[in-house]
Structures are given as structure tokens and as C-alpha cells.
Amino acid sequence: MAKSSKALSSDFVGRVVELYGDTLYDLCHSVLWSGSNAQIAFRSILKDLRAASRKQRFQAHERPWVISVACARLRAFAQRHGRKLTPSEQIMLDANSDLQARLKQFDAYFHRLPVDDQILLLLRDKYGLPYGEIATALGIPEGSLKIQRQQSVRALEEWLWEART
């Protein structure tokens, strides 16, 4: 007897959670800076994946597609619920001239970056995904992606090191 489409969808999402669940949840938590918001975003991503038609599920390019769905949902969620530093928090960060203290506040500096830059740095530098997959997932040419990454890293460096110069 053939499985129903709901059962197939459930099997697919179960496999996605098994293969990519930790990375997806960590991506949500790293971008949203909140455990509760990360859980909500993660469930929302799984709901989007479950609702996707079977034609959209490409076995050979599954990870970039899953990441693409996750990034689209994460961008929208971060727009509405993402934590942003207040101007006074930013001033306090910048007022500290001690490099070690600045490095301890790396998350705060990281969250100054636009969400797309945060996602790019996490996918490339934390999870080690190849540029080709990230380019596919984000719909950005690989060359542009490399330039965007360089600019993001440079911005972080300036924020962290500017008090020393």
C-alpha cells in the first residue's frame, strides 16, 4: 500500500531534522540571539519544508534547498522579532577600549551586521559550507558572495579593533 502524502512529508521532515536539524537550530539561535525565538523559527522552517511540494525536493541539491527555505524564513522572522542593540548599548560597546572586553562581547558586534551577512558568515565560517552551496542557497553569485563575506569580516574587524588605534 502506498504511503499518503502526509506520511511522505513527515518522513522527509524527519530525515531533514536528522541530517540538518542541529545546524538549522543553531543558525536560528545564532541569528535571533534568543532560545525561545529560535525554537519558534525552527518549527516554522520545518512547517515550510513540510508544506513544500515533492517537486521542490531535490535529492542531489537538498542541503542548499533546505538552507534556502530556512534563510527565507529566518530573514522574515529576524525582521519582525530579531533583537537589535539599542543606541546606548552600541555606545557602551564602542566606549570600551580593552580588546579582551571587546572580544567577550563578540556576539553584540556580530549582531550589528545585517541578517544576510550574519547568515553568510555562519554558513561559511561556522558550519564550513562550500561557497557553491551557499551561493545556491542564497541565490547570490559565488563571486559576489565572497566579496560580501570580506566586507562583513572587515566591518567586524573595524568594530573590534578601532579602539586600539
N, C-alpha and C. Protein backbone atom coordinates (compact mmCIF):
# COMPACT_ATOMS: atom_id res chain seq x y z
N MET A 1 0.84 -1.18 0.00
CA MET A 1 0.00 0.00 0.00
C MET A 1 0.89 1.25 0.00
N ALA A 2 0.54 2.21 -0.82
CA ALA A 2 1.31 3.44 -0.94
C ALA A 2 1.09 4.34 0.27
N LYS A 3 2.14 5.02 0.65
CA LYS A 3 2.04 5.95 1.78
C LYS A 3 1.29 7.20 1.34
N SER A 4 0.59 7.80 2.28
CA SER A 4 -0.11 9.05 1.98
C SER A 4 0.91 10.18 1.85
N SER A 5 0.49 11.27 1.23
CA SER A 5 1.41 12.40 1.05
C SER A 5 1.80 13.01 2.40
N LYS A 6 0.91 12.93 3.39
CA LYS A 6 1.23 13.44 4.72
C LYS A 6 2.32 12.60 5.37
N ALA A 7 2.24 11.28 5.19
CA ALA A 7 3.26 10.39 5.74
C ALA A 7 4.60 10.60 5.04
N LEU A 8 4.57 10.76 3.71
CA LEU A 8 5.80 11.04 2.96
C LEU A 8 6.43 12.34 3.41
N SER A 9 5.59 13.35 3.62
CA SER A 9 6.06 14.64 4.07
C SER A 9 6.69 14.53 5.46
N SER A 10 6.05 13.77 6.33
CA SER A 10 6.56 13.56 7.68
C SER A 10 7.90 12.82 7.65
N ASP A 11 8.01 11.80 6.77
CA ASP A 11 9.27 11.08 6.61
C ASP A 11 10.37 12.02 6.14
N PHE A 12 10.04 12.87 5.18
CA PHE A 12 11.00 13.82 4.63
C PHE A 12 11.48 14.78 5.72
N VAL A 13 10.56 15.35 6.47
CA VAL A 13 10.93 16.31 7.51
C VAL A 13 11.74 15.61 8.60
N GLY A 14 11.38 14.38 8.93
CA GLY A 14 12.16 13.62 9.91
C GLY A 14 13.60 13.43 9.45
N ARG A 15 13.77 13.13 8.17
CA ARG A 15 15.11 12.95 7.62
C ARG A 15 15.87 14.27 7.61
N VAL A 16 15.18 15.36 7.28
CA VAL A 16 15.81 16.68 7.29
C VAL A 16 16.27 17.03 8.70
N VAL A 17 15.43 16.76 9.69
CA VAL A 17 15.79 17.05 11.08
C VAL A 17 17.01 16.21 11.48
N GLU A 18 17.01 14.96 11.08
CA GLU A 18 18.13 14.09 11.40
C GLU A 18 19.43 14.58 10.76
N LEU A 19 19.37 14.99 9.51
CA LEU A 19 20.57 15.40 8.78
C LEU A 19 21.01 16.83 9.11
N TYR A 20 20.05 17.75 9.19
CA TYR A 20 20.38 19.18 9.26
C TYR A 20 19.80 19.89 10.49
N GLY A 21 19.09 19.17 11.32
CA GLY A 21 18.38 19.80 12.44
C GLY A 21 19.27 20.62 13.36
N ASP A 22 20.41 20.04 13.76
CA ASP A 22 21.30 20.78 14.67
C ASP A 22 21.81 22.06 14.04
N THR A 23 22.20 21.98 12.78
CA THR A 23 22.70 23.16 12.08
C THR A 23 21.60 24.21 11.94
N LEU A 24 20.40 23.78 11.54
CA LEU A 24 19.30 24.73 11.36
C LEU A 24 18.93 25.42 12.68
N TYR A 25 18.86 24.63 13.76
CA TYR A 25 18.51 25.23 15.05
C TYR A 25 19.61 26.20 15.49
N ASP A 26 20.87 25.80 15.35
CA ASP A 26 21.97 26.67 15.75
C ASP A 26 21.98 27.94 14.91
N LEU A 27 21.68 27.83 13.63
CA LEU A 27 21.59 29.01 12.76
C LEU A 27 20.50 29.95 13.27
N CYS A 28 19.35 29.39 13.61
CA CYS A 28 18.25 30.21 14.15
C CYS A 28 18.68 30.90 15.44
N HIS A 29 19.30 30.13 16.33
CA HIS A 29 19.70 30.68 17.63
C HIS A 29 20.79 31.75 17.45
N SER A 30 21.73 31.50 16.56
CA SER A 30 22.83 32.45 16.36
C SER A 30 22.34 33.77 15.76
N VAL A 31 21.39 33.70 14.84
CA VAL A 31 20.88 34.92 14.20
C VAL A 31 19.90 35.66 15.10
N LEU A 32 19.03 34.92 15.75
CA LEU A 32 17.97 35.56 16.53
C LEU A 32 18.40 35.89 17.95
N TRP A 33 19.49 35.31 18.42
CA TRP A 33 20.05 35.67 19.72
C TRP A 33 19.08 35.36 20.86
N SER A 34 18.23 34.36 20.66
CA SER A 34 17.21 34.03 21.65
C SER A 34 16.79 32.57 21.48
N GLY A 35 16.83 31.82 22.57
CA GLY A 35 16.42 30.42 22.53
C GLY A 35 14.96 30.24 22.19
N SER A 36 14.10 31.05 22.78
CA SER A 36 12.67 30.89 22.53
C SER A 36 12.33 31.27 21.09
N ASN A 37 12.89 32.37 20.59
CA ASN A 37 12.64 32.74 19.20
C ASN A 37 13.24 31.72 18.24
N ALA A 38 14.38 31.14 18.60
CA ALA A 38 15.00 30.12 17.76
C ALA A 38 14.08 28.90 17.63
N GLN A 39 13.47 28.50 18.72
CA GLN A 39 12.54 27.36 18.68
C GLN A 39 11.35 27.65 17.77
N ILE A 40 10.81 28.82 17.89
CA ILE A 40 9.66 29.20 17.05
C ILE A 40 10.06 29.24 15.58
N ALA A 41 11.20 29.85 15.29
CA ALA A 41 11.67 29.94 13.90
C ALA A 41 11.98 28.54 13.35
N PHE A 42 12.59 27.69 14.15
CA PHE A 42 12.92 26.34 13.72
C PHE A 42 11.66 25.56 13.37
N ARG A 43 10.66 25.63 14.23
CA ARG A 43 9.38 24.95 13.94
C ARG A 43 8.73 25.52 12.68
N SER A 44 8.85 26.81 12.50
CA SER A 44 8.29 27.46 11.33
C SER A 44 9.00 26.99 10.05
N ILE A 45 10.31 26.84 10.12
CA ILE A 45 11.08 26.33 8.98
C ILE A 45 10.63 24.91 8.65
N LEU A 46 10.48 24.07 9.67
CA LEU A 46 10.03 22.69 9.43
C LEU A 46 8.64 22.66 8.82
N LYS A 47 7.79 23.58 9.25
CA LYS A 47 6.45 23.68 8.67
C LYS A 47 6.54 24.05 7.19
N ASP A 48 7.41 25.00 6.85
CA ASP A 48 7.62 25.38 5.45
C ASP A 48 8.13 24.21 4.63
N LEU A 49 9.07 23.46 5.20
CA LEU A 49 9.62 22.30 4.48
C LEU A 49 8.56 21.22 4.28
N ARG A 50 7.74 21.02 5.29
CA ARG A 50 6.67 20.01 5.20
C ARG A 50 5.67 20.40 4.12
N ALA A 51 5.41 21.70 4.00
CA ALA A 51 4.41 22.18 3.05
C ALA A 51 4.93 22.21 1.61
N ALA A 52 6.24 22.14 1.44
CA ALA A 52 6.82 22.21 0.10
C ALA A 52 6.39 21.00 -0.72
N SER A 53 6.15 21.24 -1.98
CA SER A 53 5.73 20.13 -2.84
C SER A 53 6.90 19.20 -3.09
N ARG A 54 6.60 17.98 -3.44
CA ARG A 54 7.63 16.98 -3.70
C ARG A 54 8.53 17.40 -4.86
N LYS A 55 8.02 18.18 -5.78
CA LYS A 55 8.81 18.62 -6.93
C LYS A 55 9.96 19.53 -6.49
N GLN A 56 9.80 20.20 -5.35
CA GLN A 56 10.82 21.12 -4.88
C GLN A 56 11.96 20.41 -4.15
N ARG A 57 11.77 19.17 -3.81
CA ARG A 57 12.76 18.44 -3.02
C ARG A 57 13.75 17.75 -3.94
N PHE A 58 14.89 18.34 -4.08
CA PHE A 58 15.91 17.82 -4.98
C PHE A 58 16.94 17.05 -4.17
N GLN A 59 16.99 15.75 -4.33
CA GLN A 59 17.90 14.91 -3.56
C GLN A 59 19.35 15.36 -3.71
N ALA A 60 19.77 15.61 -4.94
CA ALA A 60 21.16 15.97 -5.18
C ALA A 60 21.52 17.34 -4.62
N HIS A 61 20.56 18.23 -4.53
CA HIS A 61 20.81 19.58 -4.03
C HIS A 61 19.95 19.88 -2.81
N GLU A 62 19.76 18.87 -2.01
CA GLU A 62 18.83 19.00 -0.89
C GLU A 62 19.31 20.01 0.16
N ARG A 63 20.58 19.93 0.57
CA ARG A 63 21.04 20.82 1.62
C ARG A 63 20.93 22.29 1.22
N PRO A 64 21.38 22.70 0.02
CA PRO A 64 21.19 24.11 -0.35
C PRO A 64 19.72 24.52 -0.38
N TRP A 65 18.86 23.61 -0.83
CA TRP A 65 17.43 23.94 -0.86
C TRP A 65 16.88 24.10 0.55
N VAL A 66 17.22 23.19 1.45
CA VAL A 66 16.76 23.28 2.84
C VAL A 66 17.26 24.58 3.46
N ILE A 67 18.51 24.91 3.22
CA ILE A 67 19.08 26.15 3.77
C ILE A 67 18.40 27.36 3.15
N SER A 68 18.08 27.28 1.88
CA SER A 68 17.37 28.38 1.22
C SER A 68 16.02 28.64 1.89
N VAL A 69 15.27 27.58 2.14
CA VAL A 69 13.98 27.70 2.83
C VAL A 69 14.19 28.28 4.22
N ALA A 70 15.19 27.77 4.93
CA ALA A 70 15.47 28.24 6.29
C ALA A 70 15.86 29.72 6.30
N CYS A 71 16.70 30.12 5.36
CA CYS A 71 17.16 31.52 5.32
C CYS A 71 16.02 32.47 5.01
N ALA A 72 15.14 32.08 4.11
CA ALA A 72 14.00 32.94 3.78
C ALA A 72 13.13 33.14 5.02
N ARG A 73 12.86 32.08 5.74
CA ARG A 73 12.03 32.17 6.95
C ARG A 73 12.77 32.96 8.02
N LEU A 74 14.05 32.72 8.15
CA LEU A 74 14.85 33.38 9.18
C LEU A 74 14.95 34.89 8.95
N ARG A 75 15.10 35.30 7.69
CA ARG A 75 15.13 36.73 7.37
C ARG A 75 13.84 37.41 7.80
N ALA A 76 12.72 36.79 7.45
CA ALA A 76 11.42 37.36 7.80
C ALA A 76 11.24 37.40 9.32
N PHE A 77 11.63 36.34 9.98
CA PHE A 77 11.47 36.28 11.44
C PHE A 77 12.38 37.30 12.12
N ALA A 78 13.61 37.42 11.66
CA ALA A 78 14.54 38.38 12.25
C ALA A 78 14.06 39.81 12.05
N GLN A 79 13.42 40.06 10.91
CA GLN A 79 12.88 41.40 10.63
C GLN A 79 11.83 41.79 11.68
N ARG A 80 11.00 40.83 12.04
CA ARG A 80 9.92 41.11 12.99
C ARG A 80 10.34 40.96 14.45
N HIS A 81 11.18 39.95 14.75
CA HIS A 81 11.43 39.62 16.15
C HIS A 81 12.90 39.62 16.55
N GLY A 82 13.79 39.93 15.63
CA GLY A 82 15.21 39.90 15.95
C GLY A 82 15.58 40.96 16.97
N ARG A 83 16.52 40.64 17.83
CA ARG A 83 16.98 41.58 18.85
C ARG A 83 18.01 42.51 18.23
N LYS A 84 17.81 43.77 18.39
CA LYS A 84 18.74 44.79 17.91
C LYS A 84 19.32 45.52 19.11
N LEU A 85 20.56 45.93 18.98
CA LEU A 85 21.18 46.71 20.04
C LEU A 85 20.57 48.11 20.05
N THR A 86 20.35 48.62 21.22
CA THR A 86 19.88 49.99 21.35
C THR A 86 21.07 50.93 21.11
N PRO A 87 20.80 52.18 20.78
CA PRO A 87 21.91 53.12 20.61
C PRO A 87 22.80 53.22 21.85
N SER A 88 22.22 53.17 23.03
CA SER A 88 23.04 53.26 24.25
C SER A 88 23.91 52.01 24.42
N GLU A 89 23.40 50.83 24.03
CA GLU A 89 24.21 49.62 24.08
C GLU A 89 25.38 49.70 23.11
N GLN A 90 25.12 50.26 21.93
CA GLN A 90 26.19 50.41 20.94
C GLN A 90 27.26 51.38 21.45
N ILE A 91 26.84 52.46 22.08
CA ILE A 91 27.80 53.43 22.61
C ILE A 91 28.64 52.79 23.71
N MET A 92 27.99 52.01 24.57
CA MET A 92 28.73 51.32 25.64
C MET A 92 29.75 50.34 25.06
N LEU A 93 29.37 49.63 24.01
CA LEU A 93 30.30 48.70 23.37
C LEU A 93 31.51 49.45 22.82
N ASP A 94 31.24 50.53 22.14
CA ASP A 94 32.31 51.29 21.49
C ASP A 94 33.18 52.04 22.49
N ALA A 95 32.64 52.35 23.64
CA ALA A 95 33.39 53.11 24.64
C ALA A 95 34.48 52.26 25.29
N ASN A 96 34.36 50.96 25.24
CA ASN A 96 35.33 50.09 25.88
C ASN A 96 36.55 49.94 24.98
N SER A 97 37.72 50.37 25.47
CA SER A 97 38.93 50.30 24.65
C SER A 97 39.74 49.03 24.88
N ASP A 98 39.36 48.21 25.83
CA ASP A 98 40.09 46.98 26.13
C ASP A 98 39.70 45.88 25.13
N LEU A 99 40.69 45.39 24.40
CA LEU A 99 40.43 44.38 23.36
C LEU A 99 39.80 43.12 23.94
N GLN A 100 40.28 42.66 25.07
CA GLN A 100 39.72 41.43 25.66
C GLN A 100 38.24 41.61 26.01
N ALA A 101 37.89 42.77 26.51
CA ALA A 101 36.49 43.05 26.83
C ALA A 101 35.66 43.09 25.56
N ARG A 102 36.22 43.66 24.50
CA ARG A 102 35.50 43.71 23.22
C ARG A 102 35.31 42.30 22.67
N LEU A 103 36.32 41.47 22.76
CA LEU A 103 36.20 40.10 22.25
C LEU A 103 35.15 39.31 23.03
N LYS A 104 35.03 39.59 24.30
CA LYS A 104 34.00 38.91 25.11
C LYS A 104 32.60 39.32 24.66
N GLN A 105 32.49 40.48 24.03
CA GLN A 105 31.21 40.98 23.54
C GLN A 105 31.04 40.73 22.04
N PHE A 106 31.76 39.74 21.51
CA PHE A 106 31.73 39.48 20.08
C PHE A 106 30.31 39.33 19.54
N ASP A 107 29.44 38.63 20.26
CA ASP A 107 28.06 38.43 19.80
C ASP A 107 27.37 39.76 19.53
N ALA A 108 27.60 40.72 20.40
CA ALA A 108 26.96 42.03 20.22
C ALA A 108 27.46 42.70 18.94
N TYR A 109 28.75 42.61 18.69
CA TYR A 109 29.29 43.18 17.46
C TYR A 109 28.77 42.41 16.24
N PHE A 110 28.73 41.10 16.36
CA PHE A 110 28.24 40.26 15.26
C PHE A 110 26.81 40.63 14.87
N HIS A 111 25.98 40.93 15.87
CA HIS A 111 24.58 41.25 15.60
C HIS A 111 24.37 42.67 15.09
N ARG A 112 25.42 43.44 14.99
CA ARG A 112 25.34 44.73 14.31
C ARG A 112 25.26 44.54 12.80
N LEU A 113 25.79 43.42 12.32
CA LEU A 113 25.78 43.14 10.88
C LEU A 113 24.36 42.90 10.40
N PRO A 114 24.07 43.19 9.14
CA PRO A 114 22.76 42.83 8.58
C PRO A 114 22.55 41.31 8.65
N VAL A 115 21.32 40.90 8.73
CA VAL A 115 20.98 39.48 8.87
C VAL A 115 21.61 38.63 7.76
N ASP A 116 21.58 39.11 6.53
CA ASP A 116 22.18 38.33 5.43
C ASP A 116 23.68 38.11 5.64
N ASP A 117 24.36 39.10 6.18
CA ASP A 117 25.79 38.95 6.45
C ASP A 117 26.02 37.96 7.60
N GLN A 118 25.17 38.02 8.61
CA GLN A 118 25.28 37.07 9.71
C GLN A 118 25.11 35.64 9.20
N ILE A 119 24.08 35.44 8.38
CA ILE A 119 23.81 34.11 7.82
C ILE A 119 25.00 33.63 6.99
N LEU A 120 25.52 34.50 6.14
CA LEU A 120 26.65 34.14 5.30
C LEU A 120 27.86 33.72 6.14
N LEU A 121 28.21 34.51 7.14
CA LEU A 121 29.37 34.18 7.97
C LEU A 121 29.15 32.88 8.74
N LEU A 122 27.95 32.68 9.22
CA LEU A 122 27.67 31.43 9.94
C LEU A 122 27.78 30.22 9.01
N LEU A 123 27.17 30.32 7.83
CA LEU A 123 27.19 29.19 6.90
C LEU A 123 28.61 28.87 6.45
N ARG A 124 29.39 29.88 6.17
CA ARG A 124 30.74 29.65 5.66
C ARG A 124 31.75 29.35 6.76
N ASP A 125 31.78 30.20 7.79
CA ASP A 125 32.85 30.12 8.77
C ASP A 125 32.54 29.25 9.98
N LYS A 126 31.31 29.13 10.35
CA LYS A 126 30.97 28.27 11.49
C LYS A 126 30.66 26.85 11.04
N TYR A 127 29.87 26.73 9.97
CA TYR A 127 29.44 25.40 9.53
C TYR A 127 30.30 24.85 8.39
N GLY A 128 31.15 25.69 7.80
CA GLY A 128 32.09 25.24 6.79
C GLY A 128 31.47 24.82 5.46
N LEU A 129 30.31 25.37 5.13
CA LEU A 129 29.70 25.03 3.84
C LEU A 129 30.52 25.65 2.71
N PRO A 130 30.62 24.94 1.59
CA PRO A 130 31.35 25.50 0.45
C PRO A 130 30.60 26.68 -0.16
N TYR A 131 31.36 27.59 -0.75
CA TYR A 131 30.76 28.78 -1.36
C TYR A 131 29.69 28.42 -2.39
N GLY A 132 29.91 27.36 -3.15
CA GLY A 132 28.95 26.96 -4.18
C GLY A 132 27.58 26.66 -3.60
N GLU A 133 27.55 25.93 -2.49
CA GLU A 133 26.27 25.61 -1.84
C GLU A 133 25.61 26.85 -1.26
N ILE A 134 26.42 27.69 -0.64
CA ILE A 134 25.87 28.92 -0.05
C ILE A 134 25.31 29.81 -1.15
N ALA A 135 26.04 29.92 -2.26
CA ALA A 135 25.57 30.73 -3.39
C ALA A 135 24.24 30.20 -3.91
N THR A 136 24.12 28.89 -4.02
CA THR A 136 22.87 28.27 -4.46
C THR A 136 21.76 28.56 -3.47
N ALA A 137 22.05 28.39 -2.19
CA ALA A 137 21.04 28.57 -1.15
C ALA A 137 20.55 30.02 -1.06
N LEU A 138 21.48 30.96 -1.20
CA LEU A 138 21.12 32.37 -1.04
C LEU A 138 20.76 33.05 -2.36
N GLY A 139 21.00 32.37 -3.47
CA GLY A 139 20.67 32.95 -4.77
C GLY A 139 21.56 34.12 -5.13
N ILE A 140 22.82 34.04 -4.73
CA ILE A 140 23.79 35.11 -4.99
C ILE A 140 24.96 34.49 -5.75
N PRO A 141 25.48 35.18 -6.77
CA PRO A 141 26.65 34.63 -7.47
C PRO A 141 27.82 34.42 -6.50
N GLU A 142 28.57 33.37 -6.74
CA GLU A 142 29.66 33.00 -5.83
C GLU A 142 30.67 34.13 -5.64
N GLY A 143 31.03 34.82 -6.71
CA GLY A 143 31.98 35.94 -6.61
C GLY A 143 31.45 37.05 -5.70
N SER A 144 30.18 37.38 -5.86
CA SER A 144 29.56 38.41 -5.01
C SER A 144 29.52 37.97 -3.56
N LEU A 145 29.29 36.70 -3.36
CA LEU A 145 29.23 36.14 -2.02
C LEU A 145 30.58 36.28 -1.31
N LYS A 146 31.64 36.02 -2.04
CA LYS A 146 32.99 36.14 -1.45
C LYS A 146 33.29 37.59 -1.09
N ILE A 147 32.89 38.52 -1.94
CA ILE A 147 33.10 39.95 -1.66
C ILE A 147 32.27 40.37 -0.45
N GLN A 148 31.02 39.91 -0.39
CA GLN A 148 30.15 40.24 0.75
C GLN A 148 30.75 39.71 2.04
N ARG A 149 31.31 38.50 2.01
CA ARG A 149 31.93 37.92 3.20
C ARG A 149 33.13 38.77 3.64
N GLN A 150 33.97 39.17 2.68
CA GLN A 150 35.13 40.01 3.01
C GLN A 150 34.70 41.32 3.66
N GLN A 151 33.66 41.93 3.12
CA GLN A 151 33.18 43.19 3.68
C GLN A 151 32.63 43.01 5.09
N SER A 152 31.96 41.90 5.33
CA SER A 152 31.40 41.62 6.66
C SER A 152 32.52 41.40 7.68
N VAL A 153 33.52 40.63 7.28
CA VAL A 153 34.65 40.38 8.17
C VAL A 153 35.39 41.68 8.45
N ARG A 154 35.57 42.48 7.43
CA ARG A 154 36.25 43.77 7.60
C ARG A 154 35.48 44.68 8.57
N ALA A 155 34.16 44.68 8.47
CA ALA A 155 33.36 45.50 9.38
C ALA A 155 33.54 45.02 10.83
N LEU A 156 33.52 43.72 11.03
CA LEU A 156 33.73 43.19 12.38
C LEU A 156 35.12 43.57 12.91
N GLU A 157 36.11 43.43 12.06
CA GLU A 157 37.47 43.79 12.46
C GLU A 157 37.55 45.25 12.87
N GLU A 158 36.95 46.13 12.12
CA GLU A 158 36.98 47.56 12.45
C GLU A 158 36.31 47.83 13.79
N TRP A 159 35.17 47.19 14.02
CA TRP A 159 34.47 47.41 15.29
C TRP A 159 35.29 46.88 16.48
N LEU A 160 35.92 45.74 16.29
CA LEU A 160 36.67 45.14 17.39
C LEU A 160 38.01 45.82 17.64
N TRP A 161 38.65 46.28 16.58
CA TRP A 161 39.99 46.82 16.72
C TRP A 161 40.07 48.34 16.75
N GLU A 162 39.00 49.04 16.43
CA GLU A 162 39.09 50.51 16.28
C GLU A 162 39.53 51.21 17.55
N ALA A 163 39.24 50.69 18.71
CA ALA A 163 39.60 51.36 19.96
C ALA A 163 41.09 51.26 20.24
N ARG A 164 41.79 50.35 19.58
CA ARG A 164 43.21 50.16 19.82
C ARG A 164 44.07 51.11 19.01
N THR A 165 43.51 51.66 17.95
CA THR A 165 44.33 52.51 17.08
C THR A 165 44.34 53.95 17.53
